[in-house]
Amino acid sequence: MVQPGEISLLLIEDDQTFATIVSRRLSRHGYYCHHAATASDALLLARQIRPQAIVLDMKLDGSNGLALIRPLRHLLPDSRIILLTGYASIATAVEAIRTGADNYLSKPVDTRTLLAALQEKLSSLDAADSILGSGEEAPLHPKRLEWEHLQQVLQANQGNISATARQLGMHRRTLQRKLMKKPVSI
C-alpha cells in the first residue's frame, strides 16, 4: 500500500531480475513500485492502482511495449510514462514520443537518469517533493540520444570500434565520425 509521501509507480518489465533491481532502487527514493510482466497484466494493474508514473520496457515477452503507450496514456493522461529499451534507435525514440511517452531511455539506465526522467513532470505538477532537487534533465535531442547509444554499445564492446560497428551494422569509419561529433546538450 502506498504510504504518505510515496509515489505510485507501475513497472512493466518481463525480466524479473531487472524489475527487482529497478524496484529496489526506486523504492529507496520514495516510489512504491508495482510490477507487471505482460501487457494484459499491465493494463489491468494500471486500471486498479492508477499510478502516477509508469516505466515500460519496449521488448516485452511476446509483445512490443510501444503498443501499450496509447492505451496507458488514454487510461492515465496525467501519469509520467518512461519507455526503456536495450535496443535504442532514433526511429523508436520518435515513435515512442509521438505515441505519448514522456521520455525514452536506453538500458542500462543509472538511477539518477531514471529519477530525473520520472521527476520531470511530477515536479511541475507539484505532485511530490523534489527527489533530485532542481537538477532536472530535459528530454534528449535525437542526435544526443544516438551518440549516447553509440557510446553504450562501444562500452559494451570494451572500446573495440570494429566490433561495435559490426554490431550496429555500420562501417567502422562512419561510426568513428559519429563518435567524434558529440552533440552539445540541445
N, C-alpha and C. Protein backbone atom coordinates (compact mmCIF):
# COMPACT_ATOMS: atom_id res chain seq x y z
N MET A 1 0.83 -1.18 0.00
CA MET A 1 0.00 0.00 0.00
C MET A 1 0.88 1.24 0.00
N VAL A 2 0.46 2.24 -0.77
CA VAL A 2 1.23 3.48 -0.89
C VAL A 2 1.14 4.26 0.41
N GLN A 3 2.31 4.63 0.94
CA GLN A 3 2.39 5.40 2.17
C GLN A 3 2.38 6.89 1.84
N PRO A 4 2.01 7.75 2.79
CA PRO A 4 2.07 9.20 2.55
C PRO A 4 3.48 9.60 2.12
N GLY A 5 3.58 10.41 1.10
CA GLY A 5 4.87 10.84 0.59
C GLY A 5 5.45 9.95 -0.49
N GLU A 6 4.89 8.76 -0.67
CA GLU A 6 5.36 7.86 -1.71
C GLU A 6 4.61 8.12 -3.01
N ILE A 7 5.27 7.82 -4.12
CA ILE A 7 4.68 7.98 -5.44
C ILE A 7 4.43 6.60 -6.01
N SER A 8 3.21 6.36 -6.47
CA SER A 8 2.84 5.07 -7.03
C SER A 8 3.43 4.93 -8.43
N LEU A 9 4.13 3.83 -8.67
CA LEU A 9 4.78 3.58 -9.96
C LEU A 9 4.47 2.18 -10.44
N LEU A 10 4.16 2.05 -11.72
CA LEU A 10 3.94 0.75 -12.35
C LEU A 10 5.14 0.44 -13.22
N LEU A 11 5.83 -0.66 -12.93
CA LEU A 11 6.98 -1.11 -13.70
C LEU A 11 6.52 -2.27 -14.58
N ILE A 12 6.58 -2.08 -15.90
CA ILE A 12 6.15 -3.11 -16.84
C ILE A 12 7.41 -3.67 -17.48
N GLU A 13 7.81 -4.85 -17.02
CA GLU A 13 9.09 -5.45 -17.41
C GLU A 13 8.97 -6.97 -17.32
N ASP A 14 9.37 -7.68 -18.38
CA ASP A 14 9.27 -9.14 -18.36
C ASP A 14 10.49 -9.82 -17.74
N ASP A 15 11.58 -9.10 -17.56
CA ASP A 15 12.78 -9.65 -16.93
C ASP A 15 12.66 -9.43 -15.42
N GLN A 16 12.37 -10.50 -14.70
CA GLN A 16 12.11 -10.42 -13.25
C GLN A 16 13.30 -9.87 -12.48
N THR A 17 14.50 -10.27 -12.85
CA THR A 17 15.69 -9.80 -12.15
C THR A 17 15.87 -8.30 -12.31
N PHE A 18 15.74 -7.82 -13.55
CA PHE A 18 15.87 -6.38 -13.80
C PHE A 18 14.77 -5.61 -13.07
N ALA A 19 13.55 -6.14 -13.08
CA ALA A 19 12.42 -5.49 -12.40
C ALA A 19 12.68 -5.38 -10.90
N THR A 20 13.23 -6.41 -10.31
CA THR A 20 13.54 -6.39 -8.88
C THR A 20 14.59 -5.33 -8.56
N ILE A 21 15.61 -5.24 -9.39
CA ILE A 21 16.67 -4.26 -9.17
C ILE A 21 16.13 -2.84 -9.28
N VAL A 22 15.36 -2.58 -10.34
CA VAL A 22 14.80 -1.23 -10.53
C VAL A 22 13.84 -0.88 -9.39
N SER A 23 13.00 -1.82 -9.01
CA SER A 23 12.04 -1.58 -7.92
C SER A 23 12.77 -1.24 -6.63
N ARG A 24 13.82 -1.97 -6.34
CA ARG A 24 14.59 -1.73 -5.13
C ARG A 24 15.24 -0.33 -5.16
N ARG A 25 15.81 0.02 -6.31
CA ARG A 25 16.46 1.33 -6.43
C ARG A 25 15.45 2.47 -6.28
N LEU A 26 14.29 2.33 -6.93
CA LEU A 26 13.29 3.40 -6.88
C LEU A 26 12.60 3.49 -5.53
N SER A 27 12.42 2.36 -4.85
CA SER A 27 11.76 2.39 -3.55
C SER A 27 12.59 3.17 -2.53
N ARG A 28 13.90 3.20 -2.72
CA ARG A 28 14.77 3.98 -1.83
C ARG A 28 14.58 5.48 -2.03
N HIS A 29 13.92 5.87 -3.12
CA HIS A 29 13.74 7.28 -3.44
C HIS A 29 12.27 7.71 -3.39
N GLY A 30 11.45 6.98 -2.65
CA GLY A 30 10.08 7.42 -2.43
C GLY A 30 9.04 6.88 -3.41
N TYR A 31 9.37 5.84 -4.15
CA TYR A 31 8.41 5.24 -5.07
C TYR A 31 7.89 3.92 -4.51
N TYR A 32 6.59 3.71 -4.65
CA TYR A 32 6.00 2.43 -4.30
C TYR A 32 5.77 1.70 -5.61
N CYS A 33 6.55 0.66 -5.87
CA CYS A 33 6.56 0.01 -7.17
C CYS A 33 5.64 -1.20 -7.23
N HIS A 34 4.82 -1.22 -8.28
CA HIS A 34 4.00 -2.37 -8.63
C HIS A 34 4.63 -2.95 -9.90
N HIS A 35 4.57 -4.25 -10.06
CA HIS A 35 5.22 -4.87 -11.21
C HIS A 35 4.23 -5.70 -12.03
N ALA A 36 4.32 -5.55 -13.36
CA ALA A 36 3.55 -6.37 -14.29
C ALA A 36 4.53 -6.89 -15.34
N ALA A 37 4.38 -8.17 -15.70
CA ALA A 37 5.31 -8.79 -16.65
C ALA A 37 4.73 -8.90 -18.06
N THR A 38 3.40 -8.74 -18.20
CA THR A 38 2.77 -8.85 -19.51
C THR A 38 1.92 -7.61 -19.79
N ALA A 39 1.59 -7.43 -21.06
CA ALA A 39 0.78 -6.29 -21.46
C ALA A 39 -0.60 -6.32 -20.81
N SER A 40 -1.24 -7.49 -20.79
CA SER A 40 -2.59 -7.58 -20.21
C SER A 40 -2.56 -7.33 -18.71
N ASP A 41 -1.56 -7.86 -18.01
CA ASP A 41 -1.43 -7.60 -16.58
C ASP A 41 -1.17 -6.11 -16.32
N ALA A 42 -0.40 -5.50 -17.19
CA ALA A 42 -0.08 -4.08 -17.03
C ALA A 42 -1.32 -3.21 -17.14
N LEU A 43 -2.15 -3.47 -18.14
CA LEU A 43 -3.37 -2.68 -18.31
C LEU A 43 -4.34 -2.89 -17.15
N LEU A 44 -4.46 -4.12 -16.69
CA LEU A 44 -5.33 -4.42 -15.55
C LEU A 44 -4.84 -3.71 -14.29
N LEU A 45 -3.55 -3.81 -14.03
CA LEU A 45 -2.97 -3.17 -12.85
C LEU A 45 -3.06 -1.65 -12.93
N ALA A 46 -2.85 -1.11 -14.13
CA ALA A 46 -2.94 0.35 -14.31
C ALA A 46 -4.35 0.85 -13.98
N ARG A 47 -5.36 0.10 -14.37
CA ARG A 47 -6.75 0.48 -14.04
C ARG A 47 -6.99 0.42 -12.53
N GLN A 48 -6.41 -0.57 -11.89
CA GLN A 48 -6.64 -0.77 -10.46
C GLN A 48 -5.91 0.25 -9.59
N ILE A 49 -4.64 0.49 -9.86
CA ILE A 49 -3.85 1.32 -8.95
C ILE A 49 -3.69 2.78 -9.38
N ARG A 50 -3.97 3.08 -10.66
CA ARG A 50 -3.87 4.45 -11.19
C ARG A 50 -2.53 5.09 -10.81
N PRO A 51 -1.40 4.53 -11.28
CA PRO A 51 -0.09 5.03 -10.87
C PRO A 51 0.20 6.42 -11.40
N GLN A 52 1.04 7.14 -10.68
CA GLN A 52 1.47 8.47 -11.09
C GLN A 52 2.58 8.39 -12.13
N ALA A 53 3.28 7.26 -12.17
CA ALA A 53 4.40 7.08 -13.10
C ALA A 53 4.41 5.64 -13.60
N ILE A 54 4.89 5.48 -14.84
CA ILE A 54 4.98 4.16 -15.47
C ILE A 54 6.35 4.05 -16.12
N VAL A 55 7.05 2.95 -15.83
CA VAL A 55 8.30 2.63 -16.51
C VAL A 55 8.01 1.38 -17.32
N LEU A 56 8.16 1.49 -18.63
CA LEU A 56 7.72 0.46 -19.56
C LEU A 56 8.89 -0.03 -20.40
N ASP A 57 9.08 -1.34 -20.45
CA ASP A 57 10.11 -1.94 -21.29
C ASP A 57 9.57 -2.05 -22.72
N MET A 58 10.41 -1.77 -23.71
CA MET A 58 9.94 -1.82 -25.09
C MET A 58 9.76 -3.26 -25.57
N LYS A 59 10.63 -4.15 -25.17
CA LYS A 59 10.55 -5.55 -25.60
C LYS A 59 9.98 -6.40 -24.47
N LEU A 60 8.67 -6.61 -24.52
CA LEU A 60 8.03 -7.49 -23.55
C LEU A 60 7.94 -8.88 -24.16
N ASP A 61 7.85 -9.88 -23.33
CA ASP A 61 7.77 -11.25 -23.81
C ASP A 61 6.57 -11.42 -24.74
N GLY A 62 6.83 -11.55 -26.03
CA GLY A 62 5.75 -11.78 -26.99
C GLY A 62 5.03 -10.54 -27.47
N SER A 63 5.40 -9.36 -27.01
CA SER A 63 4.72 -8.14 -27.48
C SER A 63 5.69 -6.96 -27.45
N ASN A 64 5.22 -5.85 -27.98
CA ASN A 64 6.04 -4.65 -28.06
C ASN A 64 5.46 -3.60 -27.11
N GLY A 65 6.29 -3.06 -26.25
CA GLY A 65 5.86 -2.05 -25.29
C GLY A 65 5.34 -0.78 -25.95
N LEU A 66 5.79 -0.50 -27.16
CA LEU A 66 5.29 0.69 -27.87
C LEU A 66 3.78 0.63 -28.04
N ALA A 67 3.25 -0.57 -28.24
CA ALA A 67 1.80 -0.73 -28.44
C ALA A 67 1.01 -0.43 -27.17
N LEU A 68 1.66 -0.43 -26.03
CA LEU A 68 0.98 -0.15 -24.76
C LEU A 68 0.88 1.34 -24.43
N ILE A 69 1.69 2.15 -25.09
CA ILE A 69 1.75 3.57 -24.72
C ILE A 69 0.40 4.25 -24.90
N ARG A 70 -0.22 4.09 -26.05
CA ARG A 70 -1.51 4.78 -26.30
C ARG A 70 -2.60 4.36 -25.32
N PRO A 71 -2.82 3.05 -25.10
CA PRO A 71 -3.85 2.68 -24.11
C PRO A 71 -3.54 3.20 -22.70
N LEU A 72 -2.26 3.17 -22.32
CA LEU A 72 -1.89 3.68 -21.00
C LEU A 72 -2.10 5.19 -20.92
N ARG A 73 -1.74 5.90 -21.97
CA ARG A 73 -1.92 7.36 -22.00
C ARG A 73 -3.41 7.71 -21.95
N HIS A 74 -4.23 6.94 -22.67
CA HIS A 74 -5.68 7.18 -22.66
C HIS A 74 -6.26 6.92 -21.26
N LEU A 75 -5.81 5.87 -20.63
CA LEU A 75 -6.29 5.49 -19.30
C LEU A 75 -5.77 6.45 -18.21
N LEU A 76 -4.53 6.88 -18.35
CA LEU A 76 -3.87 7.70 -17.33
C LEU A 76 -3.21 8.93 -17.98
N PRO A 77 -4.00 9.91 -18.37
CA PRO A 77 -3.45 11.05 -19.11
C PRO A 77 -2.42 11.88 -18.33
N ASP A 78 -2.46 11.86 -17.01
CA ASP A 78 -1.53 12.67 -16.22
C ASP A 78 -0.33 11.90 -15.70
N SER A 79 -0.27 10.60 -15.97
CA SER A 79 0.86 9.80 -15.50
C SER A 79 2.09 10.05 -16.36
N ARG A 80 3.23 9.91 -15.75
CA ARG A 80 4.51 10.04 -16.45
C ARG A 80 4.86 8.68 -17.03
N ILE A 81 5.07 8.59 -18.34
CA ILE A 81 5.41 7.31 -18.99
C ILE A 81 6.83 7.39 -19.53
N ILE A 82 7.67 6.47 -19.05
CA ILE A 82 9.06 6.38 -19.48
C ILE A 82 9.24 5.04 -20.19
N LEU A 83 9.72 5.08 -21.43
CA LEU A 83 9.99 3.85 -22.17
C LEU A 83 11.47 3.52 -22.04
N LEU A 84 11.77 2.29 -21.61
CA LEU A 84 13.14 1.80 -21.50
C LEU A 84 13.39 0.78 -22.60
N THR A 85 14.58 0.81 -23.18
CA THR A 85 14.90 -0.19 -24.18
C THR A 85 16.38 -0.50 -24.21
N GLY A 86 16.68 -1.72 -24.49
CA GLY A 86 18.06 -2.14 -24.72
C GLY A 86 18.43 -2.02 -26.18
N TYR A 87 17.46 -1.65 -27.01
CA TYR A 87 17.65 -1.57 -28.47
C TYR A 87 17.31 -0.16 -28.94
N ALA A 88 17.97 0.83 -28.39
CA ALA A 88 17.64 2.23 -28.70
C ALA A 88 17.95 2.57 -30.15
N SER A 89 17.05 3.33 -30.73
CA SER A 89 17.27 3.87 -32.07
C SER A 89 16.48 5.16 -32.19
N ILE A 90 16.86 5.97 -33.13
CA ILE A 90 16.16 7.24 -33.34
C ILE A 90 14.72 6.97 -33.73
N ALA A 91 14.50 5.98 -34.59
CA ALA A 91 13.14 5.68 -35.07
C ALA A 91 12.22 5.30 -33.92
N THR A 92 12.69 4.45 -33.01
CA THR A 92 11.83 4.05 -31.90
C THR A 92 11.65 5.19 -30.89
N ALA A 93 12.68 6.02 -30.74
CA ALA A 93 12.55 7.17 -29.85
C ALA A 93 11.47 8.11 -30.35
N VAL A 94 11.50 8.40 -31.65
CA VAL A 94 10.49 9.28 -32.24
C VAL A 94 9.10 8.66 -32.12
N GLU A 95 8.99 7.37 -32.41
CA GLU A 95 7.70 6.68 -32.32
C GLU A 95 7.16 6.69 -30.88
N ALA A 96 8.03 6.46 -29.91
CA ALA A 96 7.61 6.44 -28.51
C ALA A 96 7.06 7.80 -28.08
N ILE A 97 7.76 8.86 -28.42
CA ILE A 97 7.33 10.20 -28.04
C ILE A 97 6.05 10.57 -28.79
N ARG A 98 5.99 10.20 -30.05
CA ARG A 98 4.81 10.50 -30.87
C ARG A 98 3.55 9.81 -30.34
N THR A 99 3.70 8.60 -29.82
CA THR A 99 2.53 7.87 -29.32
C THR A 99 2.16 8.22 -27.89
N GLY A 100 3.00 9.05 -27.21
CA GLY A 100 2.58 9.52 -25.89
C GLY A 100 3.55 9.30 -24.74
N ALA A 101 4.71 8.71 -24.99
CA ALA A 101 5.69 8.56 -23.91
C ALA A 101 6.26 9.93 -23.56
N ASP A 102 6.58 10.12 -22.31
CA ASP A 102 7.16 11.39 -21.86
C ASP A 102 8.67 11.39 -22.00
N ASN A 103 9.28 10.21 -21.98
CA ASN A 103 10.72 10.12 -22.10
C ASN A 103 11.10 8.75 -22.62
N TYR A 104 12.31 8.65 -23.13
CA TYR A 104 12.83 7.44 -23.77
C TYR A 104 14.25 7.27 -23.27
N LEU A 105 14.52 6.17 -22.60
CA LEU A 105 15.85 5.93 -22.05
C LEU A 105 16.36 4.58 -22.51
N SER A 106 17.66 4.50 -22.76
CA SER A 106 18.23 3.22 -23.16
C SER A 106 18.84 2.52 -21.95
N LYS A 107 18.73 1.19 -21.97
CA LYS A 107 19.30 0.36 -20.92
C LYS A 107 20.78 0.17 -21.22
N PRO A 108 21.60 0.00 -20.26
CA PRO A 108 21.30 0.11 -18.84
C PRO A 108 21.15 1.57 -18.45
N VAL A 109 20.23 1.84 -17.56
CA VAL A 109 19.97 3.20 -17.12
C VAL A 109 20.40 3.34 -15.67
N ASP A 110 21.09 4.44 -15.38
CA ASP A 110 21.50 4.65 -14.00
C ASP A 110 20.35 5.28 -13.21
N THR A 111 20.40 5.16 -11.92
CA THR A 111 19.32 5.62 -11.05
C THR A 111 19.08 7.12 -11.20
N ARG A 112 20.13 7.90 -11.27
CA ARG A 112 19.98 9.35 -11.36
C ARG A 112 19.21 9.76 -12.62
N THR A 113 19.56 9.15 -13.76
CA THR A 113 18.89 9.47 -15.02
C THR A 113 17.42 9.07 -14.97
N LEU A 114 17.15 7.89 -14.43
CA LEU A 114 15.77 7.42 -14.32
C LEU A 114 14.95 8.31 -13.39
N LEU A 115 15.52 8.68 -12.26
CA LEU A 115 14.82 9.57 -11.32
C LEU A 115 14.55 10.94 -11.94
N ALA A 116 15.52 11.46 -12.69
CA ALA A 116 15.33 12.75 -13.34
C ALA A 116 14.20 12.67 -14.36
N ALA A 117 14.13 11.59 -15.12
CA ALA A 117 13.06 11.42 -16.11
C ALA A 117 11.71 11.28 -15.43
N LEU A 118 11.66 10.58 -14.32
CA LEU A 118 10.40 10.42 -13.59
C LEU A 118 9.97 11.71 -12.92
N GLN A 119 10.92 12.45 -12.38
CA GLN A 119 10.63 13.65 -11.61
C GLN A 119 10.18 14.82 -12.47
N GLU A 120 10.59 14.85 -13.71
CA GLU A 120 10.33 15.98 -14.59
C GLU A 120 8.89 16.49 -14.54
N LYS A 121 7.94 15.64 -14.82
CA LYS A 121 6.53 16.05 -14.87
C LYS A 121 5.94 16.18 -13.47
N LEU A 122 6.35 15.29 -12.57
CA LEU A 122 5.80 15.32 -11.21
C LEU A 122 6.11 16.64 -10.52
N SER A 123 7.31 17.16 -10.72
CA SER A 123 7.66 18.41 -10.04
C SER A 123 6.86 19.57 -10.61
N SER A 124 6.58 19.53 -11.91
CA SER A 124 5.81 20.63 -12.49
C SER A 124 4.36 20.58 -12.03
N LEU A 125 3.90 19.42 -11.62
CA LEU A 125 2.53 19.29 -11.12
C LEU A 125 2.46 19.44 -9.60
N ASP A 126 3.63 19.63 -8.97
CA ASP A 126 3.71 19.68 -7.50
C ASP A 126 3.10 18.44 -6.88
N ALA A 127 3.29 17.30 -7.51
CA ALA A 127 2.72 16.05 -7.02
C ALA A 127 3.54 15.46 -5.88
N ALA A 128 4.82 15.84 -5.81
CA ALA A 128 5.66 15.29 -4.75
C ALA A 128 6.80 16.24 -4.48
N ASP A 129 7.45 16.09 -3.34
CA ASP A 129 8.64 16.87 -3.07
C ASP A 129 9.72 16.45 -4.04
N SER A 130 10.64 17.35 -4.28
CA SER A 130 11.70 17.07 -5.24
C SER A 130 12.57 15.92 -4.74
N ILE A 131 12.82 14.97 -5.62
CA ILE A 131 13.67 13.84 -5.28
C ILE A 131 15.12 14.18 -5.59
N LEU A 132 15.32 14.88 -6.69
CA LEU A 132 16.69 15.19 -7.11
C LEU A 132 17.06 16.65 -6.88
N GLY A 133 16.20 17.43 -6.31
CA GLY A 133 16.45 18.85 -6.20
C GLY A 133 16.06 19.53 -7.49
N SER A 134 16.73 20.62 -7.83
CA SER A 134 16.34 21.38 -9.01
C SER A 134 17.08 20.92 -10.26
N GLY A 135 17.88 19.88 -10.22
CA GLY A 135 18.66 19.44 -11.37
C GLY A 135 17.89 18.54 -12.32
N GLU A 136 16.81 19.02 -12.88
CA GLU A 136 16.05 18.21 -13.81
C GLU A 136 16.72 18.21 -15.17
N GLU A 137 16.56 17.08 -15.91
CA GLU A 137 17.11 16.98 -17.23
C GLU A 137 16.01 17.10 -18.26
N ALA A 138 16.29 17.79 -19.36
CA ALA A 138 15.33 17.88 -20.46
C ALA A 138 15.39 16.59 -21.27
N PRO A 139 14.32 16.27 -22.02
CA PRO A 139 14.38 15.09 -22.88
C PRO A 139 15.55 15.23 -23.86
N LEU A 140 16.16 14.11 -24.18
CA LEU A 140 17.32 14.14 -25.05
C LEU A 140 16.94 14.44 -26.49
N HIS A 141 17.77 15.23 -27.13
CA HIS A 141 17.63 15.50 -28.56
C HIS A 141 18.00 14.21 -29.29
N PRO A 142 17.36 13.89 -30.43
CA PRO A 142 17.65 12.64 -31.13
C PRO A 142 19.14 12.44 -31.46
N LYS A 143 19.86 13.49 -31.82
CA LYS A 143 21.29 13.34 -32.12
C LYS A 143 22.07 12.97 -30.85
N ARG A 144 21.69 13.57 -29.74
CA ARG A 144 22.35 13.24 -28.47
C ARG A 144 22.01 11.80 -28.07
N LEU A 145 20.76 11.40 -28.26
CA LEU A 145 20.33 10.04 -27.95
C LEU A 145 21.13 9.03 -28.76
N GLU A 146 21.31 9.30 -30.06
CA GLU A 146 22.08 8.40 -30.91
C GLU A 146 23.52 8.31 -30.43
N TRP A 147 24.13 9.47 -30.12
CA TRP A 147 25.51 9.48 -29.68
C TRP A 147 25.67 8.69 -28.38
N GLU A 148 24.76 8.86 -27.44
CA GLU A 148 24.84 8.13 -26.17
C GLU A 148 24.66 6.63 -26.38
N HIS A 149 23.78 6.26 -27.31
CA HIS A 149 23.60 4.83 -27.61
C HIS A 149 24.88 4.25 -28.20
N LEU A 150 25.50 4.99 -29.12
CA LEU A 150 26.77 4.53 -29.70
C LEU A 150 27.81 4.35 -28.61
N GLN A 151 27.86 5.27 -27.65
CA GLN A 151 28.80 5.16 -26.54
C GLN A 151 28.54 3.92 -25.69
N GLN A 152 27.26 3.61 -25.44
CA GLN A 152 26.92 2.44 -24.64
C GLN A 152 27.33 1.15 -25.34
N VAL A 153 27.07 1.07 -26.64
CA VAL A 153 27.44 -0.13 -27.39
C VAL A 153 28.96 -0.25 -27.45
N LEU A 154 29.65 0.87 -27.62
CA LEU A 154 31.11 0.87 -27.64
C LEU A 154 31.65 0.38 -26.29
N GLN A 155 31.06 0.85 -25.22
CA GLN A 155 31.49 0.42 -23.89
C GLN A 155 31.24 -1.07 -23.69
N ALA A 156 30.10 -1.57 -24.17
CA ALA A 156 29.78 -2.99 -24.05
C ALA A 156 30.79 -3.85 -24.83
N ASN A 157 31.40 -3.27 -25.86
CA ASN A 157 32.41 -3.97 -26.65
C ASN A 157 33.83 -3.61 -26.20
N GLN A 158 33.98 -3.12 -24.99
CA GLN A 158 35.26 -2.76 -24.39
C GLN A 158 36.09 -1.83 -25.28
N GLY A 159 35.42 -0.88 -25.93
CA GLY A 159 36.13 0.11 -26.74
C GLY A 159 36.53 -0.36 -28.13
N ASN A 160 36.15 -1.55 -28.52
CA ASN A 160 36.52 -2.09 -29.83
C ASN A 160 35.61 -1.48 -30.91
N ILE A 161 36.18 -0.56 -31.72
CA ILE A 161 35.41 0.14 -32.76
C ILE A 161 34.88 -0.83 -33.81
N SER A 162 35.72 -1.77 -34.25
CA SER A 162 35.31 -2.70 -35.31
C SER A 162 34.14 -3.58 -34.85
N ALA A 163 34.23 -4.11 -33.63
CA ALA A 163 33.15 -4.96 -33.12
C ALA A 163 31.86 -4.15 -32.93
N THR A 164 32.00 -2.91 -32.47
CA THR A 164 30.84 -2.04 -32.29
C THR A 164 30.18 -1.73 -33.62
N ALA A 165 30.99 -1.42 -34.63
CA ALA A 165 30.45 -1.12 -35.96
C ALA A 165 29.72 -2.34 -36.53
N ARG A 166 30.30 -3.52 -36.39
CA ARG A 166 29.63 -4.75 -36.85
C ARG A 166 28.29 -4.94 -36.14
N GLN A 167 28.29 -4.76 -34.81
CA GLN A 167 27.07 -4.94 -34.03
C GLN A 167 25.98 -3.96 -34.45
N LEU A 168 26.39 -2.74 -34.79
CA LEU A 168 25.43 -1.71 -35.18
C LEU A 168 25.09 -1.74 -36.67
N GLY A 169 25.81 -2.55 -37.43
CA GLY A 169 25.54 -2.67 -38.86
C GLY A 169 25.96 -1.44 -39.65
N MET A 170 27.09 -0.85 -39.26
CA MET A 170 27.58 0.32 -39.99
C MET A 170 29.07 0.18 -40.24
N HIS A 171 29.58 0.98 -41.17
CA HIS A 171 31.01 0.97 -41.49
C HIS A 171 31.78 1.56 -40.32
N ARG A 172 32.98 1.04 -40.11
CA ARG A 172 33.81 1.48 -38.99
C ARG A 172 34.11 2.98 -39.06
N ARG A 173 34.41 3.50 -40.25
CA ARG A 173 34.71 4.94 -40.40
C ARG A 173 33.49 5.80 -40.09
N THR A 174 32.31 5.34 -40.48
CA THR A 174 31.08 6.07 -40.18
C THR A 174 30.89 6.17 -38.67
N LEU A 175 31.11 5.05 -37.99
CA LEU A 175 31.00 5.04 -36.53
C LEU A 175 32.01 6.00 -35.91
N GLN A 176 33.24 5.99 -36.38
CA GLN A 176 34.25 6.89 -35.83
C GLN A 176 33.85 8.35 -36.01
N ARG A 177 33.31 8.70 -37.18
CA ARG A 177 32.87 10.08 -37.42
C ARG A 177 31.75 10.47 -36.47
N LYS A 178 30.77 9.56 -36.29
CA LYS A 178 29.65 9.85 -35.41
C LYS A 178 30.11 10.01 -33.96
N LEU A 179 31.07 9.20 -33.55
CA LEU A 179 31.57 9.30 -32.18
C LEU A 179 32.35 10.59 -31.93
N MET A 180 33.00 11.10 -32.97
CA MET A 180 33.76 12.35 -32.82
C MET A 180 32.86 13.56 -32.71
N LYS A 181 31.61 13.46 -33.18
CA LYS A 181 30.69 14.60 -33.19
C LYS A 181 29.74 14.54 -32.00
N LYS A 182 30.28 14.73 -30.80
CA LYS A 182 29.45 14.72 -29.62
C LYS A 182 28.51 15.93 -29.65
N PRO A 183 27.20 15.68 -29.69
CA PRO A 183 26.26 16.81 -29.73
C PRO A 183 26.27 17.58 -28.42
N VAL A 184 26.20 18.89 -28.54
CA VAL A 184 26.07 19.75 -27.37
C VAL A 184 24.66 19.54 -26.84
N SER A 185 24.47 19.62 -25.55
CA SER A 185 23.12 19.50 -24.99
C SER A 185 22.22 20.53 -25.65
N ILE A 186 21.23 20.03 -26.37
CA ILE A 186 20.35 20.90 -27.16
C ILE A 186 19.06 21.11 -26.43
